[in-house]
């Protein structure tokens, strides 16, 4: 369930499966539209959240649909603070992946598969942090609006 009341934190809890992720993204989009977030910022937020959620589904929960993902979005002076928690596997080396910029200067058939999501997340967010407390992963960042 998501709270769409303007200036109130938006909380969303959903399972770690692709259908639930799509539904969560649609609810976030509706909630952000109610806050009059400009369309270009909504698109950026949707891209970042989709990448984060899909990483949790694929890597933290290893595609087990019974995992739980929690999202908290809260207005901040300079944007929207995003906090995401899950109880899946920790990040490798207990740290955020560095990510790498895609080298697109090659033939389509030679494009590398995957590995660019964290570069994009780092590029599109501010104040990105990761911590593991007990059995809980906690990712937080800010989206500019």
Foldseek 3Di string as FASTA:
>chain_A
DFDLPAQDKTKDKAWLAPVRLVVVLVVVLVSVVSNVDDPVLNVLVSLLSSLVSPCCCCPFAVVDRHWMKMWIWGDDPFAIKIKIKTLGHADVVNFQDPADDFDPPDDPVPGDPDRHSSVSNVVQWAPWGWGQDPRMIMTMTGGGD
